[in-house]
Amino acid sequence: MKIVLFGGTGQVGWELQRSLATLGKLVVLELKNPTPLLADFSTPESLADTVRAVRPDLIVNAAAYTAVDKAEGEQELVRAINATAPGILAREAAASGAWLMHYSTDYVFNGMGSTPWVENSPTEPLNVYGWTKLEAEQLIRSSGCLHLIFRTSWVYAARGRNFVRTILQLARERDSLQVIDDQIGAPTGAELLADLTSHALRLAMQNHALAGTYHVAPIGETSWYGYARHIVEVARAGGNETRLTPDSIEPVPASAFPTVASRPANSRMNTEKLRSSFGVTLPTWENGVERVLVEMA
């Protein structure tokens, strides 16, 4: 099987390079690709020629515009990368009979309430990023291609810019810190996403009834404040010297840090469909964070 992976050097893409290698021959494409094959999501139509040249059995899209606040002022570019480009990949997948693996977000919901979102919960994004990710989902489904869409949230990894790395840096520099405590979700490791991707694809490509949209997150929930405390606790227990202690982190509401783009307060994801469809047992969010902190040490 031939697989083409877009966005292979990002947090999720890097882990996918490892996990997808067990499924077939992998072609990794980036914006600044050294080959004649173009992977520029800002000019989406160029992707069609690339897919036709590679002729993959599976297209995996881990590329996205993720600067949520900046997106509010770059709507045309964000739509090209997050919506139009995945739509073209879906169109090409449908035309060739290839599968498409795509990643979406809890930002397609309005973040209200405290009930975990299920796959058919009403969508109502709060910002440009969320709207473009929702449009991508709609384009993929309407294309008729065989696909899996994984919605997830609060992604982190041992590499790249993310909340874990930011808190570790601040913990070394500061004696106190304020962190939001009224936004709730589950930190999701890129490693977990990648492993679940290869497992789900292996089964879905044998049983097309498994195609569709799934929510992916570890077990449990926390706030950004609880997340930050856990990072500092684990880092200090592992011998990482920090000026900051868990008790010197202060919980504050999101209103204390106004942002250009609105964020959802409720990022809880119901993963029953994923677990029952693919027979997986999910780890706790704490387990994943603890593992990545060991990698970063």
Protein backbone atom coordinates (compact mmCIF):
# COMPACT_ATOMS: atom_id res chain seq x y z
CA MET A 1 0.00 0.00 0.00
CA LYS A 2 1.23 3.51 -0.83
CA ILE A 3 0.54 6.29 1.68
CA VAL A 4 1.02 10.03 1.21
CA LEU A 5 1.32 12.10 4.39
CA PHE A 6 0.85 15.87 4.35
CA GLY A 7 2.17 17.82 7.34
CA GLY A 8 4.65 15.17 8.39
CA THR A 9 6.91 17.38 10.50
CA GLY A 10 4.23 18.80 12.84
CA GLN A 11 3.43 17.38 16.25
CA VAL A 12 1.00 14.76 14.98
CA GLY A 13 2.69 14.31 11.61
CA TRP A 14 6.02 13.41 13.17
CA GLU A 15 4.42 10.60 15.19
CA LEU A 16 2.44 9.50 12.12
CA GLN A 17 5.69 8.94 10.25
CA ARG A 18 6.41 6.23 12.81
CA SER A 19 2.96 4.65 13.09
CA LEU A 20 2.04 4.70 9.39
CA ALA A 21 5.27 2.96 8.42
CA THR A 22 3.68 -0.29 9.63
CA LEU A 23 0.91 0.01 7.03
CA GLY A 24 2.82 0.52 3.79
CA LYS A 25 5.24 2.63 1.76
CA LEU A 26 5.15 6.19 3.09
CA VAL A 27 5.67 9.38 1.07
CA VAL A 28 6.02 12.44 3.33
CA LEU A 29 5.33 15.84 1.78
CA GLU A 30 5.86 19.31 3.26
CA LEU A 31 5.38 22.89 2.08
CA LYS A 32 9.10 23.22 1.28
CA ASN A 33 9.34 19.79 -0.28
CA PRO A 34 12.67 19.22 -2.11
CA THR A 35 10.99 17.18 -4.87
CA PRO A 36 8.85 18.48 -7.77
CA LEU A 37 5.75 17.36 -5.85
CA LEU A 38 3.92 20.37 -4.41
CA ALA A 39 2.34 20.33 -0.97
CA ASP A 40 1.43 24.00 -0.62
CA PHE A 41 -1.95 24.16 1.10
CA SER A 42 -2.13 27.91 0.47
CA THR A 43 -2.55 27.06 -3.23
CA PRO A 44 -4.92 24.10 -2.83
CA GLU A 45 -5.41 23.23 -6.51
CA SER A 46 -1.73 22.25 -6.74
CA LEU A 47 -2.48 19.35 -4.41
CA ALA A 48 -4.60 17.61 -7.04
CA ASP A 49 -1.61 17.18 -9.37
CA THR A 50 0.49 15.92 -6.47
CA VAL A 51 -2.05 13.27 -5.48
CA ARG A 52 -2.43 12.14 -9.09
CA ALA A 53 1.36 11.88 -9.45
CA VAL A 54 1.79 9.81 -6.28
CA ARG A 55 -1.35 7.68 -6.83
CA PRO A 56 -1.69 6.73 -3.14
CA ASP A 57 -4.03 4.16 -1.65
CA LEU A 58 -4.25 6.33 1.48
CA ILE A 59 -4.01 10.11 1.92
CA VAL A 60 -3.28 11.33 5.47
CA ASN A 61 -3.73 15.04 6.15
CA ALA A 62 -1.99 16.28 9.28
CA ALA A 63 -1.49 19.80 7.90
CA ALA A 64 -3.50 22.73 9.25
CA TYR A 65 -3.46 26.43 10.10
CA THR A 66 -3.64 26.35 13.91
CA ALA A 67 -2.83 29.92 15.04
CA VAL A 68 -6.33 30.52 16.38
CA ASP A 69 -6.06 34.24 17.16
CA LYS A 70 -4.06 35.13 14.04
CA ALA A 71 -6.66 33.28 11.97
CA GLU A 72 -9.24 35.98 12.68
CA GLY A 73 -7.28 38.39 10.50
CA GLU A 74 -6.27 35.92 7.76
CA GLN A 75 -9.60 34.33 6.92
CA GLU A 76 -8.92 33.75 3.23
CA LEU A 77 -5.61 31.99 3.88
CA VAL A 78 -7.03 29.95 6.77
CA ARG A 79 -9.96 28.80 4.63
CA ALA A 80 -7.61 27.76 1.82
CA ILE A 81 -5.44 25.67 4.16
CA ASN A 82 -8.05 24.29 6.55
CA ALA A 83 -11.06 23.81 4.27
CA THR A 84 -10.41 24.11 0.53
CA ALA A 85 -7.25 21.98 0.56
CA PRO A 86 -8.78 19.05 2.48
CA GLY A 87 -11.80 19.29 0.18
CA ILE A 88 -9.54 18.86 -2.85
CA LEU A 89 -7.78 15.91 -1.21
CA ALA A 90 -11.21 14.36 -0.60
CA ARG A 91 -12.23 14.97 -4.21
CA GLU A 92 -9.09 13.27 -5.48
CA ALA A 93 -9.51 10.39 -3.02
CA ALA A 94 -13.07 9.84 -4.23
CA ALA A 95 -11.97 9.89 -7.88
CA SER A 96 -9.20 7.34 -7.36
CA GLY A 97 -10.80 5.14 -4.70
CA ALA A 98 -8.20 6.09 -2.09
CA TRP A 99 -8.91 6.53 1.63
CA LEU A 100 -8.54 9.90 3.35
CA MET A 101 -7.49 10.32 6.99
CA HIS A 102 -8.17 13.82 8.36
CA TYR A 103 -7.92 15.52 11.76
CA SER A 104 -10.47 17.96 13.15
CA THR A 105 -11.20 19.61 16.48
CA ASP A 106 -13.63 20.21 19.32
CA TYR A 107 -13.66 23.83 18.09
CA VAL A 108 -16.47 22.83 15.71
CA PHE A 109 -18.73 23.01 18.81
CA ASN A 110 -19.74 26.09 20.80
CA GLY A 111 -18.13 24.96 24.06
CA MET A 112 -21.29 25.41 26.12
CA GLY A 113 -22.41 23.21 29.01
CA SER A 114 -20.49 20.39 30.67
CA THR A 115 -21.65 17.30 28.74
CA PRO A 116 -18.97 15.60 26.61
CA TRP A 117 -19.57 16.15 22.91
CA VAL A 118 -20.68 13.18 20.79
CA GLU A 119 -20.07 12.90 17.07
CA ASN A 120 -23.56 14.11 16.10
CA SER A 121 -23.77 16.97 18.60
CA PRO A 122 -24.89 20.23 16.93
CA THR A 123 -21.93 22.19 15.54
CA GLU A 124 -21.55 25.93 16.15
CA PRO A 125 -17.94 27.16 15.97
CA LEU A 126 -16.91 30.25 17.91
CA ASN A 127 -14.08 31.41 15.64
CA VAL A 128 -12.60 31.33 12.13
CA TYR A 129 -10.39 28.35 12.93
CA GLY A 130 -13.42 26.33 14.06
CA TRP A 131 -15.53 27.33 11.07
CA THR A 132 -12.84 26.33 8.57
CA LYS A 133 -12.28 22.98 10.28
CA LEU A 134 -16.03 22.34 10.17
CA GLU A 135 -16.16 23.25 6.48
CA ALA A 136 -13.39 20.72 5.81
CA GLU A 137 -15.45 18.00 7.49
CA GLN A 138 -18.46 18.90 5.36
CA LEU A 139 -16.45 18.88 2.14
CA ILE A 140 -14.93 15.51 2.97
CA ARG A 141 -18.30 13.91 3.71
CA SER A 142 -19.97 15.38 0.63
CA SER A 143 -17.14 14.14 -1.63
CA GLY A 144 -18.20 10.55 -1.10
CA CYS A 145 -14.64 9.38 -0.45
CA LEU A 146 -13.83 6.65 2.04
CA HIS A 147 -12.56 8.50 5.07
CA LEU A 148 -11.85 8.70 8.77
CA ILE A 149 -12.09 12.04 10.58
CA PHE A 150 -10.63 12.19 14.09
CA ARG A 151 -11.82 15.15 16.17
CA THR A 152 -9.51 15.82 19.07
CA SER A 153 -8.38 18.59 21.43
CA TRP A 154 -5.50 20.01 23.48
CA VAL A 155 -2.80 18.25 21.44
CA TYR A 156 0.77 18.13 22.74
CA ALA A 157 3.99 16.26 21.93
CA ALA A 158 7.64 16.08 22.92
CA ARG A 159 8.45 18.33 19.95
CA GLY A 160 6.94 21.56 18.71
CA ARG A 161 5.26 24.45 20.54
CA ASN A 162 2.60 23.34 23.01
CA PHE A 163 1.27 23.87 26.52
CA VAL A 164 3.61 21.35 28.16
CA ARG A 165 6.72 22.99 26.78
CA THR A 166 5.43 26.48 27.63
CA ILE A 167 4.69 25.58 31.25
CA LEU A 168 8.09 23.92 31.68
CA GLN A 169 9.81 27.05 30.41
CA LEU A 170 7.74 29.36 32.62
CA ALA A 171 8.34 27.09 35.61
CA ARG A 172 12.07 27.70 35.28
CA GLU A 173 11.67 31.46 34.88
CA ARG A 174 8.90 32.48 37.28
CA ASP A 175 8.00 32.25 40.95
CA SER A 176 4.25 32.50 40.31
CA LEU A 177 1.83 31.96 37.46
CA GLN A 178 -1.86 32.45 36.66
CA VAL A 179 -3.58 29.75 34.61
CA ILE A 180 -7.18 29.47 33.36
CA ASP A 181 -9.39 27.12 35.37
CA ASP A 182 -12.79 27.43 33.63
CA GLN A 183 -11.96 25.73 30.33
CA ILE A 184 -12.20 21.93 30.62
CA GLY A 185 -10.84 19.19 28.37
CA ALA A 186 -8.37 16.32 28.13
CA PRO A 187 -4.76 16.83 26.99
CA THR A 188 -4.23 14.50 24.01
CA GLY A 189 -0.79 13.23 23.07
CA ALA A 190 0.28 13.17 19.42
CA GLU A 191 1.71 9.71 20.07
CA LEU A 192 -1.72 8.41 21.11
CA LEU A 193 -3.37 10.01 18.06
CA ALA A 194 -0.83 8.43 15.73
CA ASP A 195 -1.14 4.95 17.23
CA LEU A 196 -4.94 5.08 17.14
CA THR A 197 -4.77 6.29 13.55
CA SER A 198 -2.82 3.28 12.29
CA HIS A 199 -4.98 0.87 14.31
CA ALA A 200 -8.25 2.38 13.07
CA LEU A 201 -7.10 2.58 9.46
CA ARG A 202 -6.04 -1.04 9.46
CA LEU A 203 -9.52 -2.12 10.55
CA ALA A 204 -11.53 0.43 8.54
CA MET A 205 -9.78 -0.36 5.27
CA GLN A 206 -10.88 -3.96 5.74
CA ASN A 207 -14.39 -3.02 6.88
CA HIS A 208 -15.71 0.07 5.08
CA ALA A 209 -18.66 0.29 7.48
CA LEU A 210 -16.20 1.77 10.00
CA ALA A 211 -15.61 4.88 7.86
CA GLY A 212 -16.78 8.12 9.44
CA THR A 213 -16.11 10.62 12.22
CA TYR A 214 -14.77 9.75 15.66
CA HIS A 215 -13.83 11.63 18.82
CA VAL A 216 -10.36 10.92 20.16
CA ALA A 217 -9.15 11.89 23.63
CA PRO A 218 -7.71 10.09 26.65
CA ILE A 219 -9.68 9.21 29.76
CA GLY A 220 -10.44 11.94 32.30
CA GLU A 221 -10.69 15.71 32.22
CA THR A 222 -8.95 18.73 33.69
CA SER A 223 -8.64 22.50 33.37
CA TRP A 224 -5.60 24.30 32.03
CA TYR A 225 -4.86 25.08 35.68
CA GLY A 226 -5.01 21.41 36.70
CA TYR A 227 -2.94 20.51 33.65
CA ALA A 228 -0.25 23.06 34.59
CA ARG A 229 -0.12 21.84 38.20
CA HIS A 230 0.36 18.26 37.04
CA ILE A 231 3.17 19.24 34.68
CA VAL A 232 5.06 21.04 37.44
CA GLU A 233 4.43 18.28 39.99
CA VAL A 234 5.73 15.58 37.67
CA ALA A 235 8.68 17.65 36.48
CA ARG A 236 9.80 18.41 40.03
CA ALA A 237 9.33 14.79 41.13
CA GLY A 238 11.56 13.77 38.22
CA GLY A 239 14.39 16.02 39.37
CA ASN A 240 13.65 18.98 37.10
CA GLU A 241 14.62 22.10 39.03
CA THR A 242 11.95 24.79 38.78
CA ARG A 243 11.37 28.07 40.57
CA LEU A 244 7.65 27.52 40.23
CA THR A 245 5.84 25.10 42.56
CA PRO A 246 2.34 23.66 42.04
CA ASP A 247 1.05 25.77 44.94
CA SER A 248 2.37 28.98 43.38
CA ILE A 249 0.09 28.51 40.37
CA GLU A 250 -3.09 30.58 40.73
CA PRO A 251 -6.40 29.58 39.08
CA VAL A 252 -8.12 32.40 37.18
CA PRO A 253 -11.10 32.65 34.79
CA ALA A 254 -10.58 32.89 31.02
CA SER A 255 -11.80 36.49 31.25
CA ALA A 256 -8.48 37.33 32.91
CA PHE A 257 -6.75 36.73 29.57
CA PRO A 258 -8.85 38.27 26.75
CA THR A 259 -8.10 36.81 23.31
CA VAL A 260 -8.91 37.87 19.76
CA ALA A 261 -10.72 34.58 19.09
CA SER A 262 -13.22 33.06 21.51
CA ARG A 263 -12.30 29.68 22.99
CA PRO A 264 -14.72 26.90 24.04
CA ALA A 265 -15.18 26.42 27.78
CA ASN A 266 -16.23 22.80 27.31
CA SER A 267 -13.80 20.67 25.28
CA ARG A 268 -14.90 17.33 26.74
CA MET A 269 -15.10 14.57 24.10
CA ASN A 270 -17.23 11.43 24.34
CA THR A 271 -15.08 8.59 22.93
CA GLU A 272 -17.57 5.71 23.23
CA LYS A 273 -17.94 5.37 19.45
CA LEU A 274 -14.17 5.09 18.96
CA ARG A 275 -13.74 2.58 21.78
CA SER A 276 -16.61 0.33 20.75
CA SER A 277 -15.93 0.48 17.00
CA PHE A 278 -12.23 -0.26 17.16
CA GLY A 279 -11.98 -2.20 20.43
CA VAL A 280 -9.51 0.13 22.11
CA THR A 281 -8.84 0.96 25.73
CA LEU A 282 -7.73 4.56 26.20
CA PRO A 283 -5.10 5.69 28.74
CA THR A 284 -5.63 8.51 31.23
CA TRP A 285 -4.52 11.98 30.20
CA GLU A 286 -2.08 11.99 33.11
CA ASN A 287 -0.31 8.91 31.76
CA GLY A 288 0.39 10.55 28.41
CA VAL A 289 1.66 13.78 29.96
CA GLU A 290 3.95 11.89 32.30
CA ARG A 291 5.44 9.92 29.39
CA VAL A 292 6.13 13.01 27.31
CA LEU A 293 7.78 14.76 30.27
CA VAL A 294 10.22 11.86 30.49
CA GLU A 295 10.99 12.32 26.77
CA MET A 296 11.60 16.02 27.29
CA ALA A 297 13.90 15.53 30.28
